[in-house]
Amino acid sequence: MPGAELATVAHELARRYPGAQDSHVIVVDIRQQRLYLLRDGQLQVSYRVSTSQWGIGNREGSNRTPIGVFRIAQKFGADAAPATIFKSRRDTGKIARIITNPDNRSEQDLVTSRVMWLTGLQPGFNEGGDVDTHSRYIYIHGTPEEGRIGLPSSHGCVRMMNGDVIALFSRVPVGTLVYIAPGDRPLTEIPERL
C-alpha cells in the first residue's frame, strides 16, 4: 500500500476529527487484512490482522466489524503476560493455548494479551443507538487463533498476533484515531454510511 495514500488519510482524519493524540493514526484495511500505524503521517509499521468472518456491519448483534472512524477509548493489560486471557477486560490469570493451524479453531472467542477498546466518532453510523461501537465491545486485541491471522475470522473485533498487539499497545496512547476501511473503495473515501 502506498505510504502517500496512508499519509493523505491520516492528515484528513486529523483534520476532520482533531484531538490531542492525532500524531498517531491506525488504519485497518479490511480487504488487505492489515493494520497500519502512522506517526506524523509516516508509516511506522504494518501488521496482519483478522476482522469478522461475517464481513462489515455497524449494527449491534451483527458480529460484523464496524467501519468508519474511531478512537481508542481505553487500554487494558499493560503488564499482562503474552496470551493472557481477558474476560470483560479483566486479566483472568490464565494463559491461552496458541493455535497455529488455520484449520483449527478455539472453542471460545477469547481475548488475549492486550485490549484496546474502540469508540465511534460518527453519530448514527458507529456512535449511539444500535450502531454504538463502544457498547458493542469492539476491540483491537490478541487471539489464540494465530494461524487464522490474515483471514477474516473474528466475531467483530480486530484480532492480532499476540506479540504484535503487545507491540502496538506500547506505541499508541488512549485517544489514538483508528480508521477501519471497508476495502471496497479507495482508502481516502472515508465512509459515513453503509
N, C-alpha and C. Protein backbone atom coordinates (compact mmCIF):
# COMPACT_ATOMS: atom_id res chain seq x y z
N MET A 1 0.85 -1.18 0.00
CA MET A 1 0.00 0.00 0.00
C MET A 1 0.88 1.24 0.00
N PRO A 2 0.60 2.20 -0.86
CA PRO A 2 1.44 3.39 -0.93
C PRO A 2 1.39 4.21 0.35
N GLY A 3 2.58 4.59 0.82
CA GLY A 3 2.66 5.43 2.02
C GLY A 3 1.99 6.77 1.82
N ALA A 4 2.02 7.29 0.57
CA ALA A 4 1.40 8.59 0.30
C ALA A 4 -0.10 8.55 0.53
N GLU A 5 -0.75 7.44 0.13
CA GLU A 5 -2.19 7.32 0.34
C GLU A 5 -2.52 7.25 1.83
N LEU A 6 -1.72 6.51 2.57
CA LEU A 6 -1.92 6.43 4.02
C LEU A 6 -1.70 7.78 4.68
N ALA A 7 -0.69 8.51 4.24
CA ALA A 7 -0.41 9.84 4.80
C ALA A 7 -1.56 10.79 4.53
N THR A 8 -2.15 10.71 3.32
CA THR A 8 -3.31 11.54 3.00
C THR A 8 -4.48 11.23 3.92
N VAL A 9 -4.72 9.94 4.15
CA VAL A 9 -5.80 9.52 5.04
C VAL A 9 -5.55 10.03 6.46
N ALA A 10 -4.33 9.87 6.96
CA ALA A 10 -4.01 10.32 8.33
C ALA A 10 -4.23 11.82 8.47
N HIS A 11 -3.81 12.58 7.46
CA HIS A 11 -3.98 14.04 7.51
C HIS A 11 -5.47 14.41 7.51
N GLU A 12 -6.25 13.74 6.66
CA GLU A 12 -7.68 14.04 6.56
C GLU A 12 -8.41 13.67 7.85
N LEU A 13 -8.05 12.55 8.44
CA LEU A 13 -8.67 12.14 9.71
C LEU A 13 -8.39 13.16 10.81
N ALA A 14 -7.13 13.58 10.91
CA ALA A 14 -6.76 14.56 11.94
C ALA A 14 -7.47 15.90 11.70
N ARG A 15 -7.70 16.25 10.42
CA ARG A 15 -8.40 17.49 10.12
C ARG A 15 -9.87 17.40 10.52
N ARG A 16 -10.52 16.28 10.19
CA ARG A 16 -11.95 16.11 10.47
C ARG A 16 -12.24 15.83 11.94
N TYR A 17 -11.31 15.14 12.61
CA TYR A 17 -11.54 14.70 13.99
C TYR A 17 -10.35 15.11 14.86
N PRO A 18 -10.16 16.44 15.05
CA PRO A 18 -8.98 16.90 15.79
C PRO A 18 -9.01 16.44 17.24
N GLY A 19 -7.83 16.09 17.73
CA GLY A 19 -7.70 15.67 19.12
C GLY A 19 -6.25 15.74 19.55
N ALA A 20 -6.04 15.53 20.83
CA ALA A 20 -4.70 15.69 21.41
C ALA A 20 -3.72 14.62 20.94
N GLN A 21 -4.21 13.46 20.52
CA GLN A 21 -3.32 12.34 20.17
C GLN A 21 -3.23 12.09 18.67
N ASP A 22 -3.44 13.11 17.86
CA ASP A 22 -3.55 12.88 16.42
C ASP A 22 -2.22 12.70 15.70
N SER A 23 -1.10 12.69 16.44
CA SER A 23 0.16 12.35 15.79
C SER A 23 0.18 10.87 15.41
N HIS A 24 -0.61 10.05 16.13
CA HIS A 24 -0.72 8.62 15.84
C HIS A 24 -2.06 8.36 15.14
N VAL A 25 -2.02 7.56 14.08
CA VAL A 25 -3.24 7.14 13.39
C VAL A 25 -3.07 5.67 13.03
N ILE A 26 -4.11 4.87 13.31
CA ILE A 26 -4.15 3.47 12.91
C ILE A 26 -5.14 3.36 11.76
N VAL A 27 -4.74 2.68 10.69
CA VAL A 27 -5.63 2.39 9.57
C VAL A 27 -5.72 0.86 9.44
N VAL A 28 -6.95 0.35 9.48
CA VAL A 28 -7.19 -1.08 9.27
C VAL A 28 -7.86 -1.22 7.90
N ASP A 29 -7.21 -1.95 7.01
CA ASP A 29 -7.75 -2.18 5.67
C ASP A 29 -8.34 -3.60 5.65
N ILE A 30 -9.67 -3.68 5.63
CA ILE A 30 -10.34 -4.98 5.71
C ILE A 30 -10.01 -5.85 4.49
N ARG A 31 -9.94 -5.25 3.31
CA ARG A 31 -9.64 -6.04 2.11
C ARG A 31 -8.27 -6.70 2.23
N GLN A 32 -7.31 -5.96 2.73
CA GLN A 32 -5.94 -6.48 2.85
C GLN A 32 -5.72 -7.27 4.14
N GLN A 33 -6.67 -7.17 5.10
CA GLN A 33 -6.49 -7.77 6.43
C GLN A 33 -5.16 -7.31 7.03
N ARG A 34 -4.97 -5.98 6.97
CA ARG A 34 -3.74 -5.38 7.51
C ARG A 34 -4.07 -4.15 8.34
N LEU A 35 -3.22 -3.92 9.32
CA LEU A 35 -3.30 -2.73 10.16
C LEU A 35 -2.01 -1.95 9.95
N TYR A 36 -2.15 -0.65 9.74
CA TYR A 36 -1.02 0.24 9.52
C TYR A 36 -0.98 1.27 10.64
N LEU A 37 0.18 1.49 11.22
CA LEU A 37 0.36 2.54 12.22
C LEU A 37 1.19 3.66 11.61
N LEU A 38 0.62 4.87 11.65
CA LEU A 38 1.34 6.05 11.18
C LEU A 38 1.60 6.98 12.35
N ARG A 39 2.73 7.66 12.28
CA ARG A 39 3.04 8.71 13.26
C ARG A 39 3.49 9.93 12.47
N ASP A 40 2.81 11.04 12.71
CA ASP A 40 3.08 12.27 11.97
C ASP A 40 3.07 12.04 10.46
N GLY A 41 2.10 11.20 10.02
CA GLY A 41 1.91 10.94 8.60
C GLY A 41 2.87 9.94 7.99
N GLN A 42 3.81 9.43 8.77
CA GLN A 42 4.80 8.48 8.27
C GLN A 42 4.44 7.06 8.73
N LEU A 43 4.47 6.11 7.80
CA LEU A 43 4.19 4.73 8.13
C LEU A 43 5.29 4.21 9.05
N GLN A 44 4.87 3.70 10.21
CA GLN A 44 5.81 3.17 11.19
C GLN A 44 5.93 1.65 11.10
N VAL A 45 4.78 0.98 10.98
CA VAL A 45 4.76 -0.48 10.99
C VAL A 45 3.44 -0.97 10.43
N SER A 46 3.44 -2.19 9.94
CA SER A 46 2.24 -2.82 9.41
C SER A 46 2.13 -4.22 9.99
N TYR A 47 0.91 -4.63 10.31
CA TYR A 47 0.67 -5.95 10.88
C TYR A 47 -0.48 -6.63 10.13
N ARG A 48 -0.43 -7.96 10.02
CA ARG A 48 -1.57 -8.72 9.55
C ARG A 48 -2.60 -8.78 10.68
N VAL A 49 -3.87 -8.76 10.32
CA VAL A 49 -4.95 -8.81 11.30
C VAL A 49 -6.02 -9.78 10.81
N SER A 50 -7.04 -9.94 11.64
CA SER A 50 -8.21 -10.73 11.27
C SER A 50 -9.45 -9.97 11.71
N THR A 51 -10.31 -9.64 10.75
CA THR A 51 -11.57 -8.98 11.06
C THR A 51 -12.69 -10.02 10.98
N SER A 52 -13.93 -9.58 11.04
CA SER A 52 -15.06 -10.51 11.18
C SER A 52 -15.20 -11.49 10.02
N GLN A 53 -15.50 -12.73 10.38
CA GLN A 53 -15.77 -13.76 9.37
C GLN A 53 -17.10 -13.50 8.67
N TRP A 54 -17.93 -12.59 9.21
CA TRP A 54 -19.23 -12.26 8.61
C TRP A 54 -19.19 -10.93 7.86
N GLY A 55 -18.02 -10.35 7.69
CA GLY A 55 -17.90 -9.12 6.91
C GLY A 55 -18.06 -7.86 7.75
N ILE A 56 -18.47 -6.79 7.08
CA ILE A 56 -18.58 -5.50 7.75
C ILE A 56 -20.03 -5.20 8.12
N GLY A 57 -20.18 -4.42 9.19
CA GLY A 57 -21.51 -4.02 9.64
C GLY A 57 -21.41 -3.32 10.98
N ASN A 58 -22.18 -2.28 11.13
CA ASN A 58 -22.08 -1.46 12.33
C ASN A 58 -23.18 -1.75 13.36
N ARG A 59 -24.15 -2.60 13.02
CA ARG A 59 -25.28 -2.84 13.92
C ARG A 59 -24.93 -3.80 15.04
N GLU A 60 -25.48 -3.49 16.21
CA GLU A 60 -25.34 -4.36 17.38
C GLU A 60 -25.91 -5.74 17.05
N GLY A 61 -25.24 -6.78 17.53
CA GLY A 61 -25.71 -8.14 17.32
C GLY A 61 -25.33 -8.74 15.99
N SER A 62 -24.65 -7.98 15.13
CA SER A 62 -24.32 -8.48 13.78
C SER A 62 -23.08 -9.37 13.77
N ASN A 63 -22.22 -9.23 14.80
CA ASN A 63 -20.92 -9.92 14.83
C ASN A 63 -20.03 -9.52 13.65
N ARG A 64 -20.34 -8.38 13.04
CA ARG A 64 -19.54 -7.87 11.92
C ARG A 64 -18.59 -6.78 12.42
N THR A 65 -17.55 -6.54 11.67
CA THR A 65 -16.59 -5.49 12.02
C THR A 65 -17.14 -4.15 11.57
N PRO A 66 -17.23 -3.19 12.51
CA PRO A 66 -17.71 -1.87 12.12
C PRO A 66 -16.67 -1.12 11.30
N ILE A 67 -17.14 -0.24 10.44
CA ILE A 67 -16.23 0.59 9.65
C ILE A 67 -16.41 2.05 10.06
N GLY A 68 -15.46 2.87 9.59
CA GLY A 68 -15.51 4.30 9.87
C GLY A 68 -14.38 4.73 10.78
N VAL A 69 -14.62 5.83 11.50
CA VAL A 69 -13.58 6.48 12.29
C VAL A 69 -13.89 6.31 13.77
N PHE A 70 -12.84 5.97 14.52
CA PHE A 70 -12.95 5.66 15.95
C PHE A 70 -11.77 6.28 16.68
N ARG A 71 -11.83 6.20 17.98
CA ARG A 71 -10.66 6.46 18.82
C ARG A 71 -10.50 5.30 19.78
N ILE A 72 -9.27 5.08 20.22
CA ILE A 72 -9.04 4.14 21.31
C ILE A 72 -9.53 4.81 22.58
N ALA A 73 -10.60 4.28 23.17
CA ALA A 73 -11.20 4.88 24.36
C ALA A 73 -10.48 4.46 25.63
N GLN A 74 -10.08 3.19 25.69
CA GLN A 74 -9.42 2.66 26.87
C GLN A 74 -8.49 1.54 26.45
N LYS A 75 -7.45 1.32 27.27
CA LYS A 75 -6.50 0.24 27.05
C LYS A 75 -6.41 -0.60 28.32
N PHE A 76 -6.27 -1.92 28.14
CA PHE A 76 -6.21 -2.83 29.27
C PHE A 76 -5.11 -3.87 29.04
N GLY A 77 -4.41 -4.22 30.11
CA GLY A 77 -3.47 -5.33 30.07
C GLY A 77 -2.01 -4.96 29.94
N ALA A 78 -1.63 -3.75 30.34
CA ALA A 78 -0.27 -3.27 30.12
C ALA A 78 0.81 -4.23 30.63
N ASP A 79 0.57 -4.88 31.73
CA ASP A 79 1.61 -5.74 32.32
C ASP A 79 1.30 -7.22 32.21
N ALA A 80 0.29 -7.59 31.45
CA ALA A 80 -0.11 -8.99 31.35
C ALA A 80 0.91 -9.79 30.52
N ALA A 81 1.05 -11.06 30.88
CA ALA A 81 1.92 -11.97 30.12
C ALA A 81 1.32 -12.20 28.74
N PRO A 82 2.14 -12.48 27.75
CA PRO A 82 1.61 -12.81 26.42
C PRO A 82 0.63 -13.98 26.50
N ALA A 83 -0.46 -13.86 25.74
CA ALA A 83 -1.53 -14.87 25.65
C ALA A 83 -2.39 -14.96 26.90
N THR A 84 -2.26 -14.00 27.83
CA THR A 84 -3.16 -13.94 28.97
C THR A 84 -4.59 -13.78 28.47
N ILE A 85 -5.51 -14.52 29.07
CA ILE A 85 -6.92 -14.45 28.69
C ILE A 85 -7.61 -13.36 29.50
N PHE A 86 -8.36 -12.51 28.78
CA PHE A 86 -9.15 -11.44 29.42
C PHE A 86 -10.63 -11.78 29.32
N LYS A 87 -11.35 -11.55 30.40
CA LYS A 87 -12.82 -11.65 30.41
C LYS A 87 -13.33 -10.30 30.89
N SER A 88 -14.20 -9.68 30.12
CA SER A 88 -14.71 -8.34 30.45
C SER A 88 -13.56 -7.39 30.77
N ARG A 89 -12.50 -7.49 29.97
CA ARG A 89 -11.32 -6.63 30.07
C ARG A 89 -10.52 -6.84 31.35
N ARG A 90 -10.78 -7.90 32.07
CA ARG A 90 -10.03 -8.21 33.29
C ARG A 90 -9.11 -9.40 33.05
N ASP A 91 -7.90 -9.30 33.58
CA ASP A 91 -6.90 -10.36 33.48
C ASP A 91 -7.37 -11.55 34.32
N THR A 92 -7.57 -12.71 33.68
CA THR A 92 -8.04 -13.90 34.40
C THR A 92 -6.90 -14.66 35.06
N GLY A 93 -5.66 -14.33 34.71
CA GLY A 93 -4.52 -15.07 35.22
C GLY A 93 -4.28 -16.36 34.46
N LYS A 94 -5.11 -16.66 33.46
CA LYS A 94 -4.96 -17.88 32.66
C LYS A 94 -4.30 -17.55 31.33
N ILE A 95 -3.55 -18.52 30.81
CA ILE A 95 -2.85 -18.34 29.54
C ILE A 95 -3.51 -19.23 28.48
N ALA A 96 -3.80 -18.65 27.33
CA ALA A 96 -4.43 -19.39 26.24
C ALA A 96 -3.42 -20.29 25.53
N ARG A 97 -3.90 -21.39 25.01
CA ARG A 97 -3.10 -22.26 24.15
C ARG A 97 -3.16 -21.67 22.74
N ILE A 98 -2.02 -21.36 22.17
CA ILE A 98 -1.96 -20.74 20.85
C ILE A 98 -2.17 -21.80 19.77
N ILE A 99 -3.06 -21.50 18.83
CA ILE A 99 -3.41 -22.41 17.74
C ILE A 99 -2.80 -21.86 16.46
N THR A 100 -1.86 -22.61 15.89
CA THR A 100 -1.17 -22.11 14.70
C THR A 100 -1.69 -22.72 13.40
N ASN A 101 -2.48 -23.77 13.48
CA ASN A 101 -3.06 -24.38 12.29
C ASN A 101 -4.33 -23.61 11.92
N PRO A 102 -4.39 -23.04 10.71
CA PRO A 102 -5.57 -22.24 10.34
C PRO A 102 -6.86 -23.05 10.26
N ASP A 103 -6.75 -24.36 10.17
CA ASP A 103 -7.95 -25.19 10.11
C ASP A 103 -8.55 -25.49 11.48
N ASN A 104 -7.79 -25.20 12.53
CA ASN A 104 -8.27 -25.45 13.89
C ASN A 104 -8.78 -24.16 14.51
N ARG A 105 -9.86 -24.26 15.26
CA ARG A 105 -10.48 -23.08 15.89
C ARG A 105 -10.53 -23.27 17.40
N SER A 106 -10.54 -22.17 18.11
CA SER A 106 -10.72 -22.18 19.55
C SER A 106 -12.19 -22.43 19.87
N GLU A 107 -12.45 -23.08 20.99
CA GLU A 107 -13.84 -23.34 21.37
C GLU A 107 -14.56 -22.06 21.77
N GLN A 108 -13.81 -21.04 22.17
CA GLN A 108 -14.40 -19.77 22.57
C GLN A 108 -13.72 -18.63 21.81
N ASP A 109 -14.41 -17.50 21.73
CA ASP A 109 -13.84 -16.30 21.11
C ASP A 109 -13.04 -15.56 22.19
N LEU A 110 -11.81 -16.01 22.41
CA LEU A 110 -11.01 -15.47 23.51
C LEU A 110 -10.32 -14.17 23.13
N VAL A 111 -10.19 -13.29 24.12
CA VAL A 111 -9.47 -12.03 24.01
C VAL A 111 -8.18 -12.21 24.80
N THR A 112 -7.03 -12.01 24.15
CA THR A 112 -5.76 -12.28 24.82
C THR A 112 -4.77 -11.12 24.72
N SER A 113 -3.84 -11.11 25.64
CA SER A 113 -2.64 -10.27 25.70
C SER A 113 -2.87 -8.79 25.98
N ARG A 114 -3.61 -8.11 25.12
CA ARG A 114 -3.88 -6.68 25.28
C ARG A 114 -5.26 -6.39 24.71
N VAL A 115 -5.89 -5.32 25.25
CA VAL A 115 -7.22 -4.89 24.79
C VAL A 115 -7.19 -3.39 24.56
N MET A 116 -7.58 -2.97 23.36
CA MET A 116 -7.77 -1.55 23.05
C MET A 116 -9.22 -1.40 22.61
N TRP A 117 -10.02 -0.74 23.46
CA TRP A 117 -11.47 -0.63 23.29
C TRP A 117 -11.78 0.60 22.45
N LEU A 118 -12.52 0.40 21.37
CA LEU A 118 -12.80 1.49 20.44
C LEU A 118 -14.13 2.17 20.73
N THR A 119 -14.18 3.46 20.43
CA THR A 119 -15.43 4.21 20.47
C THR A 119 -15.60 4.94 19.14
N GLY A 120 -16.81 4.91 18.59
CA GLY A 120 -17.07 5.54 17.30
C GLY A 120 -17.12 7.05 17.40
N LEU A 121 -16.80 7.71 16.30
CA LEU A 121 -16.80 9.18 16.23
C LEU A 121 -17.83 9.72 15.25
N GLN A 122 -18.66 8.82 14.67
CA GLN A 122 -19.60 9.25 13.64
C GLN A 122 -21.03 8.96 14.12
N PRO A 123 -21.71 9.97 14.69
CA PRO A 123 -23.05 9.76 15.24
C PRO A 123 -24.01 9.16 14.21
N GLY A 124 -24.76 8.15 14.65
CA GLY A 124 -25.73 7.50 13.79
C GLY A 124 -25.13 6.48 12.84
N PHE A 125 -23.80 6.42 12.79
CA PHE A 125 -23.10 5.49 11.90
C PHE A 125 -22.34 4.44 12.71
N ASN A 126 -21.51 4.92 13.65
CA ASN A 126 -20.81 3.99 14.54
C ASN A 126 -20.79 4.49 15.98
N GLU A 127 -21.63 5.48 16.24
CA GLU A 127 -21.76 6.05 17.59
C GLU A 127 -23.24 6.26 17.90
N GLY A 128 -23.66 5.77 19.07
CA GLY A 128 -25.05 5.95 19.51
C GLY A 128 -25.99 4.87 19.01
N GLY A 129 -27.11 4.74 19.68
CA GLY A 129 -28.18 3.83 19.26
C GLY A 129 -27.70 2.40 19.09
N ASP A 130 -28.24 1.72 18.07
CA ASP A 130 -27.89 0.31 17.86
C ASP A 130 -26.66 0.13 16.97
N VAL A 131 -25.91 1.22 16.75
CA VAL A 131 -24.65 1.12 16.00
C VAL A 131 -23.46 1.56 16.85
N ASP A 132 -23.65 1.68 18.16
CA ASP A 132 -22.60 2.21 19.03
C ASP A 132 -21.47 1.20 19.21
N THR A 133 -20.32 1.54 18.68
CA THR A 133 -19.16 0.65 18.70
C THR A 133 -18.72 0.34 20.13
N HIS A 134 -18.72 1.34 20.99
CA HIS A 134 -18.26 1.14 22.36
C HIS A 134 -19.17 0.16 23.09
N SER A 135 -20.48 0.30 22.94
CA SER A 135 -21.40 -0.60 23.62
C SER A 135 -21.44 -1.98 22.97
N ARG A 136 -20.91 -2.11 21.75
CA ARG A 136 -20.75 -3.42 21.10
C ARG A 136 -19.47 -4.12 21.58
N TYR A 137 -18.66 -3.44 22.36
CA TYR A 137 -17.40 -4.01 22.87
C TYR A 137 -16.49 -4.44 21.72
N ILE A 138 -16.26 -3.50 20.82
CA ILE A 138 -15.35 -3.74 19.71
C ILE A 138 -13.93 -3.34 20.14
N TYR A 139 -13.03 -4.30 20.04
CA TYR A 139 -11.64 -4.11 20.48
C TYR A 139 -10.66 -4.39 19.35
N ILE A 140 -9.45 -3.91 19.54
CA ILE A 140 -8.26 -4.46 18.90
C ILE A 140 -7.62 -5.31 19.98
N HIS A 141 -7.41 -6.60 19.70
CA HIS A 141 -6.93 -7.49 20.77
C HIS A 141 -6.17 -8.67 20.20
N GLY A 142 -5.48 -9.39 21.09
CA GLY A 142 -4.80 -10.62 20.71
C GLY A 142 -5.78 -11.78 20.66
N THR A 143 -5.34 -12.88 20.05
CA THR A 143 -6.18 -14.06 19.88
C THR A 143 -5.34 -15.32 20.00
N PRO A 144 -5.93 -16.41 20.49
CA PRO A 144 -5.19 -17.68 20.44
C PRO A 144 -5.16 -18.27 19.02
N GLU A 145 -6.05 -17.82 18.14
CA GLU A 145 -6.13 -18.36 16.77
C GLU A 145 -5.11 -17.66 15.85
N GLU A 146 -3.84 -17.74 16.21
CA GLU A 146 -2.82 -17.04 15.44
C GLU A 146 -2.69 -17.59 14.02
N GLY A 147 -3.04 -18.85 13.83
CA GLY A 147 -2.97 -19.42 12.49
C GLY A 147 -3.99 -18.84 11.53
N ARG A 148 -4.99 -18.15 12.05
CA ARG A 148 -6.02 -17.55 11.21
C ARG A 148 -5.83 -16.04 11.00
N ILE A 149 -4.75 -15.49 11.55
CA ILE A 149 -4.46 -14.08 11.29
C ILE A 149 -4.19 -13.90 9.80
N GLY A 150 -4.83 -12.90 9.22
CA GLY A 150 -4.77 -12.68 7.78
C GLY A 150 -6.01 -13.19 7.07
N LEU A 151 -6.84 -13.95 7.81
CA LEU A 151 -8.12 -14.45 7.30
C LEU A 151 -9.25 -13.85 8.12
N PRO A 152 -10.36 -13.43 7.51
CA PRO A 152 -11.49 -12.93 8.30
C PRO A 152 -12.03 -14.06 9.20
N SER A 153 -11.89 -13.89 10.51
CA SER A 153 -12.22 -14.97 11.44
C SER A 153 -12.86 -14.51 12.74
N SER A 154 -12.90 -13.20 12.99
CA SER A 154 -13.34 -12.72 14.30
C SER A 154 -14.86 -12.65 14.39
N HIS A 155 -15.32 -12.24 15.55
CA HIS A 155 -16.74 -12.02 15.80
C HIS A 155 -17.05 -10.52 15.80
N GLY A 156 -16.22 -9.73 15.12
CA GLY A 156 -16.45 -8.29 15.01
C GLY A 156 -15.23 -7.46 15.34
N CYS A 157 -14.40 -7.95 16.26
CA CYS A 157 -13.22 -7.20 16.66
C CYS A 157 -12.11 -7.30 15.60
N VAL A 158 -11.04 -6.56 15.84
CA VAL A 158 -9.83 -6.65 15.04
C VAL A 158 -8.83 -7.47 15.85
N ARG A 159 -8.57 -8.69 15.39
CA ARG A 159 -7.65 -9.59 16.08
C ARG A 159 -6.23 -9.42 15.55
N MET A 160 -5.26 -9.61 16.45
CA MET A 160 -3.85 -9.53 16.07
C MET A 160 -3.09 -10.70 16.69
N MET A 161 -1.91 -10.98 16.15
CA MET A 161 -0.98 -11.89 16.80
C MET A 161 -0.65 -11.31 18.16
N ASN A 162 -0.40 -12.16 19.14
CA ASN A 162 -0.18 -11.68 20.49
C ASN A 162 1.05 -10.77 20.61
N GLY A 163 2.15 -11.15 19.97
CA GLY A 163 3.33 -10.29 20.00
C GLY A 163 3.09 -8.96 19.33
N ASP A 164 2.31 -8.97 18.24
CA ASP A 164 2.02 -7.74 17.51
C ASP A 164 1.14 -6.79 18.32
N VAL A 165 0.10 -7.33 18.97
CA VAL A 165 -0.79 -6.45 19.73
C VAL A 165 -0.07 -5.87 20.94
N ILE A 166 0.84 -6.63 21.52
CA ILE A 166 1.64 -6.10 22.64
C ILE A 166 2.51 -4.95 22.14
N ALA A 167 3.12 -5.12 20.98
CA ALA A 167 3.97 -4.06 20.41
C ALA A 167 3.14 -2.82 20.07
N LEU A 168 1.99 -3.01 19.42
CA LEU A 168 1.13 -1.88 19.06
C LEU A 168 0.65 -1.15 20.31
N PHE A 169 0.20 -1.90 21.29
CA PHE A 169 -0.30 -1.34 22.55
C PHE A 169 0.72 -0.38 23.17
N SER A 170 1.99 -0.77 23.11
CA SER A 170 3.04 0.05 23.73
C SER A 170 3.34 1.31 22.95
N ARG A 171 2.89 1.38 21.70
CA ARG A 171 3.23 2.51 20.83
C ARG A 171 2.13 3.55 20.72
N VAL A 172 0.89 3.19 21.08
CA VAL A 172 -0.22 4.13 20.85
C VAL A 172 -0.89 4.52 22.16
N PRO A 173 -1.19 5.80 22.33
CA PRO A 173 -1.88 6.24 23.53
C PRO A 173 -3.39 6.13 23.40
N VAL A 174 -4.06 6.17 24.55
CA VAL A 174 -5.52 6.35 24.54
C VAL A 174 -5.81 7.63 23.78
N GLY A 175 -6.84 7.61 22.95
CA GLY A 175 -7.19 8.77 22.13
C GLY A 175 -6.70 8.65 20.70
N THR A 176 -5.91 7.63 20.40
CA THR A 176 -5.42 7.44 19.03
C THR A 176 -6.58 7.25 18.06
N LEU A 177 -6.53 7.94 16.93
CA LEU A 177 -7.53 7.75 15.87
C LEU A 177 -7.35 6.39 15.21
N VAL A 178 -8.47 5.74 14.93
CA VAL A 178 -8.48 4.45 14.24
C VAL A 178 -9.48 4.55 13.09
N TYR A 179 -9.04 4.24 11.90
CA TYR A 179 -9.92 4.23 10.74
C TYR A 179 -10.00 2.79 10.23
N ILE A 180 -11.19 2.21 10.26
CA ILE A 180 -11.41 0.87 9.70
C ILE A 180 -12.06 1.06 8.34
N ALA A 181 -11.28 0.77 7.30
CA ALA A 181 -11.72 1.00 5.92
C ALA A 181 -12.38 -0.26 5.37
N PRO A 182 -13.51 -0.12 4.69
CA PRO A 182 -14.26 -1.28 4.21
C PRO A 182 -13.58 -2.09 3.13
N GLY A 183 -12.67 -1.47 2.41
CA GLY A 183 -11.95 -2.20 1.38
C GLY A 183 -12.62 -2.23 0.02
N ASP A 184 -13.80 -1.63 -0.10
CA ASP A 184 -14.49 -1.65 -1.39
C ASP A 184 -14.42 -0.30 -2.09
N ARG A 185 -13.55 0.58 -1.62
CA ARG A 185 -13.38 1.91 -2.20
C ARG A 185 -11.98 2.40 -1.84
N PRO A 186 -11.49 3.46 -2.48
CA PRO A 186 -10.18 3.98 -2.11
C PRO A 186 -10.14 4.37 -0.62
N LEU A 187 -8.99 4.18 0.00
CA LEU A 187 -8.85 4.50 1.42
C LEU A 187 -9.23 5.94 1.73
N THR A 188 -8.98 6.82 0.78
CA THR A 188 -9.23 8.24 1.01
C THR A 188 -10.73 8.58 1.02
N GLU A 189 -11.59 7.68 0.58
CA GLU A 189 -13.05 7.88 0.64
C GLU A 189 -13.56 7.36 1.98
N ILE A 190 -13.49 8.19 2.98
CA ILE A 190 -13.84 7.79 4.35
C ILE A 190 -15.35 7.69 4.46
N PRO A 191 -15.90 6.51 4.75
CA PRO A 191 -17.35 6.32 4.75
C PRO A 191 -18.04 6.99 5.94
N GLU A 192 -19.27 7.42 5.69
CA GLU A 192 -20.10 7.96 6.76
C GLU A 192 -21.42 7.23 6.83
N ARG A 193 -21.64 6.29 5.92
CA ARG A 193 -22.81 5.42 5.95
C ARG A 193 -22.50 4.17 5.14
N LEU A 194 -23.24 3.10 5.41
CA LEU A 194 -23.03 1.83 4.69
C LEU A 194 -23.70 1.89 3.33
